[in-house]
Protein backbone atom coordinates (compact mmCIF):
# COMPACT_ATOMS: atom_id res chain seq x y z
CA MET A 1 -0.02 -0.18 0.05
CA LYS A 2 3.03 2.29 0.71
CA THR A 3 4.38 1.91 -2.82
CA LEU A 4 1.07 2.40 -4.36
CA SER A 5 0.58 5.34 -2.10
CA LYS A 6 3.79 6.71 -3.52
CA ILE A 7 2.79 6.08 -7.21
CA LEU A 8 -0.32 8.01 -6.56
CA LEU A 9 1.73 10.89 -5.10
CA ALA A 10 3.93 11.01 -7.64
CA SER A 11 1.58 11.29 -10.66
CA VAL A 12 0.19 14.59 -9.24
CA LEU A 13 2.54 16.05 -6.37
CA ALA A 14 0.18 19.00 -5.70
CA SER A 15 -3.37 20.34 -6.23
CA VAL A 16 -3.06 23.71 -4.67
CA GLY A 17 -6.25 25.67 -6.30
CA THR A 18 -7.49 27.67 -3.26
CA LEU A 19 -9.17 31.03 -4.82
CA ALA A 20 -12.38 30.91 -6.18
CA GLY A 21 -12.02 30.04 -10.00
CA TYR A 22 -8.24 29.43 -9.46
CA LYS A 23 -6.91 26.05 -10.23
CA ALA A 24 -3.23 24.82 -10.23
CA SER A 25 -1.51 21.41 -9.95
CA ILE A 26 2.03 20.14 -10.08
CA HIS A 27 3.02 16.87 -11.96
CA PRO A 28 6.34 15.19 -12.62
CA ILE A 29 7.98 15.31 -15.93
CA ASP A 30 6.35 12.14 -17.57
CA LYS A 31 7.00 10.64 -20.91
CA LYS A 32 4.72 12.60 -22.69
CA ILE A 33 5.75 15.81 -21.56
CA GLU A 34 9.45 14.77 -21.91
CA GLN A 35 8.59 13.87 -25.44
CA ARG A 36 7.29 17.45 -26.19
CA MET A 37 10.09 19.02 -24.39
CA ARG A 38 12.81 17.19 -26.70
CA LYS A 39 10.86 17.20 -29.90
CA GLY A 40 10.57 20.93 -29.35
CA HIS A 41 14.37 21.42 -28.42
CA SER A 42 13.68 23.23 -24.98
CA TYR A 43 15.32 20.13 -23.53
CA LYS A 44 18.28 18.26 -24.63
CA ASN A 45 21.21 16.29 -23.20
CA GLY A 46 23.83 18.30 -21.72
CA CYS A 47 21.32 20.41 -20.08
CA PRO A 48 22.42 21.57 -16.23
CA VAL A 49 18.94 19.91 -14.46
CA LYS A 50 17.69 16.61 -14.99
CA LEU A 51 14.14 15.94 -15.71
CA LYS A 52 13.48 14.63 -12.35
CA ASP A 53 14.13 17.83 -11.07
CA LEU A 54 11.72 19.56 -13.07
CA ARG A 55 7.96 20.02 -12.53
CA TYR A 56 4.99 20.58 -15.10
CA LEU A 57 2.35 23.11 -13.75
CA ARG A 58 -1.08 23.58 -15.11
CA MET A 59 -2.58 26.80 -13.73
CA THR A 60 -5.78 29.16 -14.36
CA TYR A 61 -4.84 32.51 -15.76
CA ARG A 62 -7.07 35.76 -16.93
CA GLY A 63 -6.58 36.04 -20.26
CA PHE A 64 -6.59 39.77 -21.98
CA ASP A 65 -10.22 39.06 -23.03
CA GLY A 66 -11.06 38.50 -19.49
CA LYS A 67 -11.78 35.14 -19.71
CA ASP A 68 -10.11 32.09 -17.49
CA TYR A 69 -8.03 29.91 -19.19
CA THR A 70 -5.57 26.68 -18.35
CA GLY A 71 -1.85 27.60 -19.04
CA GLU A 72 1.31 25.42 -18.58
CA MET A 73 4.74 25.92 -17.39
CA ILE A 74 7.54 23.98 -16.18
CA VAL A 75 9.49 25.15 -13.43
CA HIS A 76 12.33 23.47 -11.09
CA LYS A 77 10.52 21.51 -8.27
CA GLU A 78 12.02 23.70 -5.40
CA VAL A 79 10.08 26.89 -6.93
CA SER A 80 6.90 24.82 -8.14
CA LYS A 81 4.53 25.63 -5.01
CA GLU A 82 5.66 29.03 -4.75
CA VAL A 83 5.12 29.64 -8.49
CA THR A 84 1.42 28.01 -8.23
CA ARG A 85 0.82 30.65 -5.44
CA ILE A 86 2.04 33.28 -7.29
CA PHE A 87 0.11 33.05 -10.11
CA GLY A 88 -2.98 32.50 -7.62
CA GLU A 89 -2.24 36.22 -6.51
CA LEU A 90 -2.09 37.43 -10.01
CA TYR A 91 -5.43 35.69 -10.79
CA LYS A 92 -6.64 37.37 -8.11
CA MET A 93 -5.55 40.73 -8.76
CA LYS A 94 -7.07 40.00 -12.29
CA TYR A 95 -3.56 40.67 -13.74
CA PRO A 96 -4.24 39.93 -17.62
CA ILE A 97 -1.80 37.43 -19.24
CA ARG A 98 -1.77 37.05 -23.05
CA LYS A 99 -0.89 33.18 -23.23
CA MET A 100 0.98 30.66 -21.33
CA ARG A 101 2.51 27.80 -23.40
CA LEU A 102 5.68 25.73 -23.16
CA VAL A 103 8.41 27.15 -25.03
CA SER A 104 8.83 23.44 -26.84
CA ASP A 105 5.67 24.61 -28.63
CA TYR A 106 7.70 27.33 -30.26
CA GLY A 107 10.61 24.93 -31.27
CA GLY A 108 12.35 26.23 -28.16
CA SER A 109 13.09 29.62 -29.55
CA ASP A 110 12.74 32.26 -27.12
CA PHE A 111 12.25 35.00 -30.05
CA ARG A 112 9.14 33.32 -31.37
CA SER A 113 7.73 32.55 -27.65
CA ILE A 114 7.98 36.54 -27.27
CA GLU A 115 6.66 37.24 -30.67
CA ALA A 116 3.57 35.42 -29.68
CA ASP A 117 3.68 37.34 -26.06
CA ASN A 118 3.98 33.87 -24.47
CA THR A 119 4.32 33.77 -20.74
CA SER A 120 6.90 30.86 -19.96
CA ALA A 121 9.42 29.70 -17.89
CA PHE A 122 11.84 26.62 -18.46
CA ASN A 123 13.97 26.40 -21.36
CA CYS A 124 17.57 24.95 -21.68
CA ARG A 125 19.37 27.97 -23.29
CA PRO A 126 21.98 30.45 -22.48
CA VAL A 127 21.69 33.86 -21.08
CA THR A 128 20.76 36.31 -23.54
CA GLY A 129 23.97 37.55 -25.44
CA GLY A 130 26.22 35.21 -23.04
CA LYS A 131 27.31 31.71 -22.99
CA LYS A 132 26.52 30.87 -19.47
CA TRP A 133 23.33 29.04 -18.44
CA SER A 134 20.23 31.21 -17.99
CA ASN A 135 18.14 30.84 -15.07
CA HIS A 136 15.70 29.61 -17.70
CA ALA A 137 17.86 26.50 -18.12
CA TYR A 138 17.65 25.76 -14.56
CA GLY A 139 13.69 26.23 -14.41
CA LYS A 140 14.32 29.14 -11.82
CA ALA A 141 13.29 32.10 -14.04
CA ILE A 142 9.98 33.29 -15.55
CA ASP A 143 9.16 35.73 -18.58
CA LEU A 144 5.62 37.35 -18.14
CA ASN A 145 4.22 39.16 -20.74
CA PRO A 146 7.24 39.78 -23.02
CA LEU A 147 5.87 42.08 -25.69
CA GLU A 148 4.43 44.54 -23.14
CA ASN A 149 7.42 44.23 -20.80
CA PRO A 150 10.35 44.19 -23.53
CA TYR A 151 14.21 43.46 -22.73
CA VAL A 152 16.25 46.75 -23.61
CA SER A 153 19.83 46.52 -24.12
CA ARG A 154 22.25 48.74 -22.94
CA SER A 155 22.31 50.47 -26.21
CA GLY A 156 18.24 50.90 -25.71
CA ARG A 157 17.48 48.38 -28.62
CA ILE A 158 14.09 46.52 -28.44
CA SER A 159 14.25 43.52 -30.96
CA HIS A 160 10.45 43.17 -31.16
CA LYS A 161 8.33 45.54 -33.07
CA ALA A 162 5.28 45.00 -30.99
CA SER A 163 7.31 45.98 -28.01
CA LEU A 164 8.55 49.56 -29.28
CA LYS A 165 5.29 51.16 -27.86
CA PHE A 166 5.96 50.18 -24.61
CA ARG A 167 9.47 51.51 -24.23
CA ASP A 168 7.87 54.38 -22.48
CA ARG A 169 6.80 52.72 -19.20
CA LYS A 170 3.52 54.36 -18.34
CA ARG A 171 0.01 53.25 -18.36
CA LYS A 172 -1.53 55.01 -21.25
CA ASN A 173 -4.77 53.41 -21.11
CA PRO A 174 -5.44 51.73 -18.15
CA PHE A 175 -8.40 50.10 -19.44
CA LYS A 176 -6.75 48.36 -22.36
CA PRO A 177 -5.46 44.69 -21.00
CA GLU A 178 -2.21 45.37 -22.95
CA TYR A 179 -1.51 48.32 -20.63
CA ARG A 180 -2.85 46.83 -17.44
CA ALA A 181 0.00 43.84 -18.71
CA VAL A 182 2.65 46.68 -18.00
CA LEU A 183 4.82 45.75 -15.16
CA LEU A 184 5.68 49.08 -13.02
CA PRO A 185 7.79 49.29 -9.82
CA GLY A 186 5.40 49.03 -6.88
CA ASP A 187 2.87 47.13 -8.76
CA PRO A 188 1.38 44.43 -6.84
CA ALA A 189 2.29 41.87 -9.48
CA VAL A 190 5.89 42.59 -8.97
CA ALA A 191 5.40 42.36 -5.39
CA ALA A 192 3.90 38.94 -5.87
CA PHE A 193 7.24 38.02 -6.86
CA LYS A 194 9.62 39.94 -4.85
CA LYS A 195 8.40 39.27 -1.61
CA ARG A 196 9.27 35.23 -1.86
CA GLY A 197 12.83 36.42 -3.11
CA TRP A 198 12.34 36.61 -6.86
CA ARG A 199 14.69 39.22 -8.78
CA TRP A 200 12.64 41.43 -10.88
CA GLY A 201 14.49 42.45 -14.43
CA GLY A 202 13.11 45.66 -14.35
CA ASP A 203 15.21 46.83 -11.25
CA TRP A 204 18.54 45.95 -13.55
CA HIS A 205 20.59 49.14 -14.23
CA SER A 206 22.75 48.36 -17.31
CA ILE A 207 19.91 46.81 -19.25
CA LYS A 208 15.97 46.43 -18.45
CA ASP A 209 14.41 43.33 -18.54
CA TYR A 210 10.96 44.18 -17.60
CA GLN A 211 9.35 40.74 -18.26
CA HIS A 212 11.95 38.57 -16.28
CA PHE A 213 11.85 37.36 -12.67
CA ASP A 214 14.02 34.73 -11.37
CA LYS A 215 15.31 33.16 -8.22
CA ASN A 216 18.72 33.04 -7.31
CA ARG A 217 20.27 29.47 -7.18
CA LYS A 218 21.92 27.73 -4.32
């Protein structure tokens, strides 16, 4: 019976939906998800984290149209529960999210995922413009609404045309979901991450990565 209990526990590690309308679950990486990750080039041999240390999440989010959707995300097991709590808070505050799919659905391409304004986490890739592994490659980084919250280089360059109008970090029309998705210092959405020890790329000085949140690796 103990063995059976462990198997059942492993199939769904946690069900953490606690808010009205919000549901979230945490699962180990099964063969089907592994196949998607490998076929989609987000996971490959040589990645700095093992599949057994990653978790597949399903979470309710509020779309730009105000409707509820179920998104999916892969993160490190150490942050899986708090990620579901963070997104529970985002749902409660009605923070809009355009899309939440695995980077594998975009061939492991960070550029293509951003072009789709996709909120995502794990991707076995190096840091932007460098050779070291990104925190995304450890499952300890999340990019949230990346078109509305662009990466701005030291020279001020923004790679995605749809993001250019968001260079000015002001909410020009708070009634439009695209502007409500803009992350600003002191926002409750930013605080939901930071109070749990996540860093925000909007606080960086030499570059700005407004979409990016990560947790320092131990």
